[in-house]
């Protein structure tokens, strides 16, 4: 795959993943505000499912772009899902925040490559 094509794919997926991770962060914030046990249990299950869906997208991005850094996002999401199941929301938030940083870094690197080639 050409450098420009790789950069386009990486930029596209990095932005998409970053958006999904911001949503995950917002969902974690909402989960922390719940008081009823039944609501918390349901919200945790839903959030774990969301983490799983985003992880699938991240793995697709890693395969399509050949950028190994996307795999670290998948690992962080799996860990965040486990922390959420254990009611450790602060650690889950930290992992999601770290994943956002990784996605942002890869997106910025891809954008720089595209700018250098006058493609954006």
Foldseek 3Di string as FASTA:
>chain_A
DDLLVLLVLLLVLLVVLLVLLVVLLVLLVVLVPDDDPVVNVVSLVVSLVSLVVSLVSLVVSCVVNVDPLSVLLSVLSVVLSVCSVVVNSVSSSVSSVVSSVSSVVSNVVSVVVCVVVVND
